[in-house]
Amino acid sequence: MGFALRGWRLAFAFVTSALWLSAGCGSSSSSDKEGTRPSAGGSSGAGAAGRGGTDAGGLGGTAGGAGTSAGGAGSGGDSGARDGAAGDGSVRDGGGDAPLDGSAGAPPCSSGPGGIFCDDFEGATLSKWSRHSQASDGRTTRITSPVHGGKGAIRSVKSAPGPSDPLYADVLGARTSGHLYLRTYLYVPSGFAISAVDSAASLLVLGESGGDLGGLSFVLWQDALSLTIGGPTRSEVKATFALPRNRWNCVQIDFGIGQSENARLRVNGQLVAEGARDTRMATSYGRLWVGVNWIHEKQTETVQALYDDLVVSTRDVPCD
């Protein structure tokens, strides 16, 4: 019964957020800094409400996801993706200490000074994570190729709206203030497209571990990327951006927690979108979700994303 209520809450949260966005209330302020391209604005965001979603609130909130009109599907499972070659760079934390990529000869994953959590996915059991559910609409698994560094990464595949199957970890520490930084390497293969201009996929969430499970979601759209905030005040920071396919991209997300705090998205060192938003949750930031946790009901093609060398910190974590 608890799960059913939770799923209903999330579906309701997304419906209200989608209506809010379609009314044009989510468009970015003209004072916001965005990449080299104009903002897509909230009014071009989620039109029709999506179904399902997982516990990841941001998914709920106003989930979304960007991307180009080309993408990469493929089958899920434990075997490696067929595209791309492994990177071998050594990533260091904001303090310049232990390498974080898990490459040969590197120390074990360490989040370093200011560090909260990290995973290079070298462990075969994914012991740092829990699963929301396991059903036919999605699956997140460990793979051995392609990887950004070391011998492991994860692949997440989602073929339909529903609750499966991102990973989550309650590691953020019930934060109601301060600043959070996340750095991960993301690989989106070619071969799939975000099907419609108002379709989207939520790929990662930092958010609540209870209550309505709101959160700040990294979202892939047909021609844009966004940070979509699904707290009591719903908003987004969004810009037109073609996410490179068939390669590992360094994705950096950071935001202050408060009524008017800066939220920033960078890809491969390039500023994509930035703006002051109300990033507060009804409770606190406690949970990290990784994997394709939500897709729009208009999405007709399977969405796939790969992740490696993920770090959450209170300090900025640079790319290679």
Protein backbone atom coordinates (compact mmCIF):
# COMPACT_ATOMS: atom_id res chain seq x y z
CA MET A 1 0.00 0.00 0.00
CA GLY A 2 2.87 2.38 0.85
CA PHE A 3 4.42 1.82 -2.57
CA ALA A 4 1.11 2.37 -4.34
CA LEU A 5 0.57 5.64 -2.53
CA ARG A 6 4.10 6.74 -3.32
CA GLY A 7 3.70 5.98 -7.02
CA TRP A 8 0.43 7.89 -7.09
CA ARG A 9 2.07 10.87 -5.44
CA LEU A 10 4.85 10.92 -8.01
CA ALA A 11 2.49 10.60 -10.95
CA PHE A 12 0.40 13.44 -9.52
CA ALA A 13 3.52 15.54 -8.94
CA PHE A 14 4.55 15.13 -12.56
CA VAL A 15 1.08 15.93 -13.88
CA THR A 16 0.95 19.20 -11.98
CA SER A 17 4.51 20.02 -13.04
CA ALA A 18 3.78 19.28 -16.69
CA LEU A 19 0.73 21.55 -16.60
CA TRP A 20 2.83 24.22 -14.91
CA LEU A 21 5.50 24.01 -17.58
CA SER A 22 3.06 23.93 -20.49
CA ALA A 23 1.54 27.13 -19.13
CA GLY A 24 4.92 28.79 -19.71
CA CYS A 25 5.79 29.30 -16.07
CA GLY A 26 9.08 27.46 -16.33
CA SER A 27 10.84 29.64 -18.84
CA SER A 28 14.27 30.88 -17.88
CA SER A 29 14.88 34.41 -16.74
CA SER A 30 16.62 36.67 -19.23
CA SER A 31 19.29 37.26 -16.60
CA ASP A 32 20.24 33.59 -16.54
CA LYS A 33 23.53 32.57 -18.02
CA GLU A 34 23.29 29.81 -20.57
CA GLY A 35 25.67 28.17 -22.99
CA THR A 36 26.41 29.40 -26.46
CA ARG A 37 22.83 28.72 -27.55
CA PRO A 38 19.52 30.28 -26.52
CA SER A 39 17.36 28.82 -23.78
CA ALA A 40 14.68 26.37 -24.79
CA GLY A 41 12.51 27.81 -22.06
CA GLY A 42 10.01 26.00 -19.90
CA SER A 43 7.11 26.61 -22.25
CA SER A 44 8.56 24.12 -24.71
CA GLY A 45 8.94 21.57 -21.98
CA ALA A 46 6.64 18.80 -20.84
CA GLY A 47 3.31 19.18 -22.53
CA ALA A 48 1.30 16.07 -21.75
CA ALA A 49 1.82 14.44 -18.42
CA GLY A 50 3.92 11.32 -18.22
CA ARG A 51 2.90 8.18 -16.39
CA GLY A 52 4.71 6.42 -13.65
CA GLY A 53 8.15 7.48 -12.58
CA THR A 54 10.20 6.05 -9.81
CA ASP A 55 10.78 7.13 -6.27
CA ALA A 56 13.14 9.74 -7.63
CA GLY A 57 11.20 12.90 -7.05
CA GLY A 58 12.96 15.12 -9.57
CA LEU A 59 11.81 12.49 -11.95
CA GLY A 60 8.51 13.20 -10.42
CA GLY A 61 8.76 16.94 -10.05
CA THR A 62 9.10 18.03 -13.61
CA ALA A 63 11.24 15.32 -14.99
CA GLY A 64 12.85 15.80 -18.31
CA GLY A 65 15.85 15.07 -20.35
CA ALA A 66 17.54 16.53 -23.25
CA GLY A 67 19.46 15.32 -26.14
CA THR A 68 19.79 15.47 -29.84
CA SER A 69 17.36 13.96 -32.27
CA ALA A 70 19.74 11.06 -32.66
CA GLY A 71 20.48 8.70 -29.84
CA GLY A 72 21.59 5.24 -29.09
CA ALA A 73 19.50 2.35 -28.04
CA GLY A 74 20.60 -1.19 -27.69
CA SER A 75 19.81 -4.02 -25.44
CA GLY A 76 20.34 -3.89 -21.71
CA GLY A 77 21.93 -6.58 -19.65
CA ASP A 78 25.34 -7.26 -18.25
CA SER A 79 27.23 -7.45 -21.53
CA GLY A 80 29.05 -4.34 -22.69
CA ALA A 81 27.72 -1.78 -25.11
CA ARG A 82 29.05 -2.19 -28.61
CA ASP A 83 29.96 1.43 -29.19
CA GLY A 84 33.01 3.37 -28.20
CA ALA A 85 36.31 2.75 -26.51
CA ALA A 86 37.24 3.08 -22.88
CA GLY A 87 38.81 6.33 -21.71
CA ASP A 88 41.88 6.16 -19.53
CA GLY A 89 42.08 9.60 -17.95
CA SER A 90 42.61 10.06 -14.24
CA VAL A 91 40.04 12.33 -12.60
CA ARG A 92 40.86 14.06 -9.37
CA ASP A 93 38.63 15.61 -6.78
CA GLY A 94 38.41 19.28 -5.97
CA GLY A 95 41.34 18.96 -3.57
CA GLY A 96 43.60 17.33 -6.15
CA ASP A 97 44.02 14.06 -4.29
CA ALA A 98 43.16 10.47 -5.20
CA PRO A 99 42.37 9.56 -8.81
CA LEU A 100 38.69 8.76 -9.18
CA ASP A 101 38.44 6.89 -12.45
CA GLY A 102 39.32 3.38 -11.26
CA SER A 103 41.89 2.98 -14.05
CA ALA A 104 44.63 0.38 -13.82
CA GLY A 105 47.05 1.19 -11.03
CA ALA A 106 44.80 3.87 -9.53
CA PRO A 107 43.78 3.79 -5.84
CA PRO A 108 40.20 2.77 -5.01
CA CYS A 109 37.47 5.33 -5.64
CA SER A 110 37.81 8.22 -3.21
CA SER A 111 35.68 11.32 -3.02
CA GLY A 112 38.52 13.29 -1.43
CA PRO A 113 38.28 16.52 0.60
CA GLY A 114 34.67 17.67 0.77
CA GLY A 115 33.60 14.34 -0.61
CA ILE A 116 30.19 12.86 0.14
CA PHE A 117 30.02 9.81 -2.13
CA CYS A 118 31.71 8.26 -5.13
CA ASP A 119 31.51 5.11 -7.21
CA ASP A 120 33.72 4.02 -10.09
CA PHE A 121 31.58 0.88 -10.53
CA GLU A 122 34.57 -1.41 -10.20
CA GLY A 123 32.67 -3.64 -7.74
CA ALA A 124 30.73 -6.36 -9.51
CA THR A 125 27.89 -6.39 -6.97
CA LEU A 126 26.96 -2.67 -6.98
CA SER A 127 26.95 -2.96 -3.20
CA LYS A 128 26.67 0.80 -2.63
CA TRP A 129 23.25 0.89 -4.27
CA SER A 130 19.68 -0.30 -3.81
CA ARG A 131 17.12 -0.98 -6.52
CA HIS A 132 13.71 0.63 -6.75
CA SER A 133 12.03 -2.26 -8.53
CA GLN A 134 12.61 -4.83 -11.25
CA ALA A 135 10.02 -5.05 -13.99
CA SER A 136 9.86 -5.13 -17.76
CA ASP A 137 10.00 -1.37 -18.41
CA GLY A 138 13.64 -0.82 -17.47
CA ARG A 139 16.86 -2.21 -16.07
CA THR A 140 20.19 -0.83 -14.76
CA THR A 141 23.17 -3.21 -14.76
CA ARG A 142 26.93 -3.21 -14.46
CA ILE A 143 28.92 -3.57 -17.70
CA THR A 144 32.60 -3.98 -18.57
CA SER A 145 32.66 -2.17 -21.94
CA PRO A 146 32.64 0.62 -22.80
CA VAL A 147 34.01 2.18 -19.62
CA HIS A 148 35.45 5.60 -18.91
CA GLY A 149 38.20 4.10 -16.79
CA GLY A 150 39.01 0.89 -15.00
CA LYS A 151 36.92 -2.21 -15.64
CA GLY A 152 33.34 -1.25 -14.87
CA ALA A 153 30.49 1.15 -15.60
CA ILE A 154 26.70 0.88 -15.54
CA ARG A 155 24.15 0.84 -18.33
CA SER A 156 20.53 1.88 -17.82
CA VAL A 157 17.82 1.04 -20.34
CA LYS A 158 14.18 2.15 -20.19
CA SER A 159 11.61 1.13 -22.77
CA ALA A 160 8.32 2.36 -21.28
CA PRO A 161 6.91 4.61 -18.52
CA GLY A 162 6.92 2.81 -15.19
CA PRO A 163 8.86 2.31 -11.94
CA SER A 164 11.90 0.35 -13.15
CA ASP A 165 14.81 0.46 -12.61
CA PRO A 166 17.28 3.13 -11.50
CA LEU A 167 19.73 2.60 -8.66
CA TYR A 168 19.55 4.75 -5.54
CA ALA A 169 21.70 5.45 -2.49
CA ASP A 170 20.72 7.44 0.62
CA VAL A 171 24.07 9.19 0.93
CA LEU A 172 23.44 12.96 0.76
CA GLY A 173 22.98 13.45 4.49
CA ALA A 174 19.55 15.11 4.80
CA ARG A 175 20.86 18.48 3.63
CA THR A 176 18.75 21.64 3.86
CA SER A 177 21.53 24.14 3.17
CA GLY A 178 24.98 24.34 1.64
CA HIS A 179 26.14 23.56 -1.89
CA LEU A 180 26.23 20.23 -3.72
CA TYR A 181 28.48 19.30 -6.65
CA LEU A 182 28.07 16.18 -8.79
CA ARG A 183 30.44 15.00 -11.49
CA THR A 184 29.81 11.91 -13.60
CA TYR A 185 30.78 10.58 -17.00
CA LEU A 186 27.79 9.92 -19.22
CA TYR A 187 27.71 7.98 -22.50
CA VAL A 188 24.58 8.14 -24.64
CA PRO A 189 24.87 5.87 -27.70
CA SER A 190 23.44 6.73 -31.08
CA GLY A 191 20.47 4.84 -32.42
CA PHE A 192 17.53 6.35 -30.50
CA ALA A 193 15.83 9.72 -30.48
CA ILE A 194 13.74 11.61 -27.98
CA SER A 195 10.53 11.09 -29.90
CA ALA A 196 8.70 14.41 -29.58
CA VAL A 197 9.55 17.98 -28.71
CA ASP A 198 7.69 17.66 -25.41
CA SER A 199 9.04 14.18 -24.68
CA ALA A 200 11.89 13.75 -22.22
CA ALA A 201 13.92 11.34 -20.10
CA SER A 202 15.19 11.90 -16.57
CA LEU A 203 18.70 10.46 -16.24
CA LEU A 204 19.82 11.36 -12.71
CA VAL A 205 18.27 12.87 -9.57
CA LEU A 206 19.44 14.36 -6.29
CA GLY A 207 16.49 14.61 -3.96
CA GLU A 208 14.43 13.50 -1.02
CA SER A 209 14.57 10.06 0.53
CA GLY A 210 11.02 10.31 1.89
CA GLY A 211 7.83 12.33 1.66
CA ASP A 212 6.87 13.16 -1.92
CA LEU A 213 10.36 12.23 -3.11
CA GLY A 214 10.94 15.53 -4.85
CA GLY A 215 14.30 16.27 -6.38
CA LEU A 216 16.53 18.07 -8.82
CA SER A 217 16.62 16.04 -12.04
CA PHE A 218 19.08 16.03 -14.95
CA VAL A 219 16.84 15.78 -17.99
CA LEU A 220 17.39 14.89 -21.64
CA TRP A 221 15.02 16.56 -24.14
CA GLN A 222 14.83 16.31 -27.92
CA ASP A 223 17.11 19.29 -28.44
CA ALA A 224 18.00 20.49 -24.95
CA LEU A 225 19.26 19.66 -21.49
CA SER A 226 17.82 20.87 -18.20
CA LEU A 227 18.05 20.78 -14.45
CA THR A 228 14.41 20.38 -13.46
CA ILE A 229 13.54 21.13 -9.85
CA GLY A 230 10.60 19.26 -8.34
CA GLY A 231 10.36 20.72 -4.87
CA PRO A 232 7.49 22.77 -3.39
CA THR A 233 8.44 25.46 -5.94
CA ARG A 234 8.80 23.91 -9.39
CA SER A 235 11.18 25.38 -11.94
CA GLU A 236 14.00 24.50 -14.30
CA VAL A 237 17.25 25.75 -15.78
CA LYS A 238 17.24 24.73 -19.43
CA ALA A 239 19.04 25.43 -22.70
CA THR A 240 19.21 24.08 -26.22
CA PHE A 241 22.21 21.77 -26.38
CA ALA A 242 23.20 18.81 -28.55
CA LEU A 243 24.67 16.22 -26.20
CA PRO A 244 27.50 14.43 -28.06
CA ARG A 245 26.73 10.76 -28.72
CA ASN A 246 28.96 7.69 -28.77
CA ARG A 247 31.51 9.18 -26.38
CA TRP A 248 32.01 9.74 -22.66
CA ASN A 249 30.85 13.22 -21.66
CA CYS A 250 31.82 14.87 -18.41
CA VAL A 251 28.61 16.14 -16.80
CA GLN A 252 28.92 18.57 -13.87
CA ILE A 253 25.90 19.67 -11.85
CA ASP A 254 26.07 22.03 -8.91
CA PHE A 255 23.58 24.07 -6.94
CA GLY A 256 23.13 25.85 -3.67
CA ILE A 257 20.24 24.77 -1.46
CA GLY A 258 17.95 27.69 -0.69
CA GLN A 259 15.22 30.05 -1.81
CA SER A 260 17.25 31.77 -4.54
CA GLU A 261 20.40 29.78 -5.23
CA ASN A 262 22.44 29.30 -8.36
CA ALA A 263 21.94 26.03 -10.26
CA ARG A 264 24.49 25.26 -12.96
CA LEU A 265 24.94 22.57 -15.61
CA ARG A 266 28.21 22.03 -17.48
CA VAL A 267 29.10 19.42 -20.11
CA ASN A 268 32.72 18.77 -21.09
CA GLY A 269 33.72 21.98 -19.37
CA GLN A 270 31.19 24.10 -21.28
CA LEU A 271 28.52 26.04 -19.44
CA VAL A 272 25.16 24.82 -20.73
CA ALA A 273 22.67 26.52 -18.42
CA GLU A 274 22.72 28.50 -15.19
CA GLY A 275 20.23 30.48 -13.14
CA ALA A 276 19.01 31.36 -9.66
CA ARG A 277 16.15 29.11 -8.54
CA ASP A 278 14.37 27.95 -5.39
CA THR A 279 16.05 24.59 -4.95
CA ARG A 280 14.59 23.70 -1.55
CA MET A 281 12.84 20.39 -0.96
CA ALA A 282 9.87 19.88 1.35
CA THR A 283 12.13 17.72 3.54
CA SER A 284 15.82 17.60 2.59
CA TYR A 285 18.32 16.29 0.06
CA GLY A 286 19.06 12.74 1.11
CA ARG A 287 18.96 10.42 -1.92
CA LEU A 288 20.93 10.05 -5.14
CA TRP A 289 19.32 8.24 -8.10
CA VAL A 290 21.36 7.05 -11.09
CA GLY A 291 19.85 5.51 -14.21
CA VAL A 292 17.00 6.33 -16.54
CA ASN A 293 14.32 6.75 -13.91
CA TRP A 294 11.52 8.28 -15.97
CA ILE A 295 10.50 8.69 -19.62
CA HIS A 296 7.53 10.56 -21.07
CA GLU A 297 4.54 8.55 -22.26
CA LYS A 298 5.14 10.00 -25.75
CA GLN A 299 8.60 8.44 -25.88
CA THR A 300 8.36 5.63 -28.42
CA GLU A 301 12.01 4.54 -28.54
CA THR A 302 14.03 2.83 -25.81
CA VAL A 303 16.27 5.26 -23.94
CA GLN A 304 19.75 4.14 -22.94
CA ALA A 305 22.49 5.83 -20.91
CA LEU A 306 25.81 4.66 -19.44
CA TYR A 307 27.48 6.10 -16.32
CA ASP A 308 30.96 5.92 -14.82
CA ASP A 309 33.21 7.63 -12.26
CA LEU A 310 30.50 9.42 -10.30
CA VAL A 311 31.37 11.80 -7.45
CA VAL A 312 29.21 13.93 -5.13
CA SER A 313 31.01 16.53 -3.05
CA THR A 314 30.75 19.89 -1.32
CA ARG A 315 33.59 21.06 -3.58
CA ASP A 316 33.74 21.34 -7.34
CA VAL A 317 34.97 18.12 -8.97
CA PRO A 318 36.74 18.79 -12.28
CA CYS A 319 36.69 16.78 -15.48
CA ASP A 320 39.83 15.06 -16.78
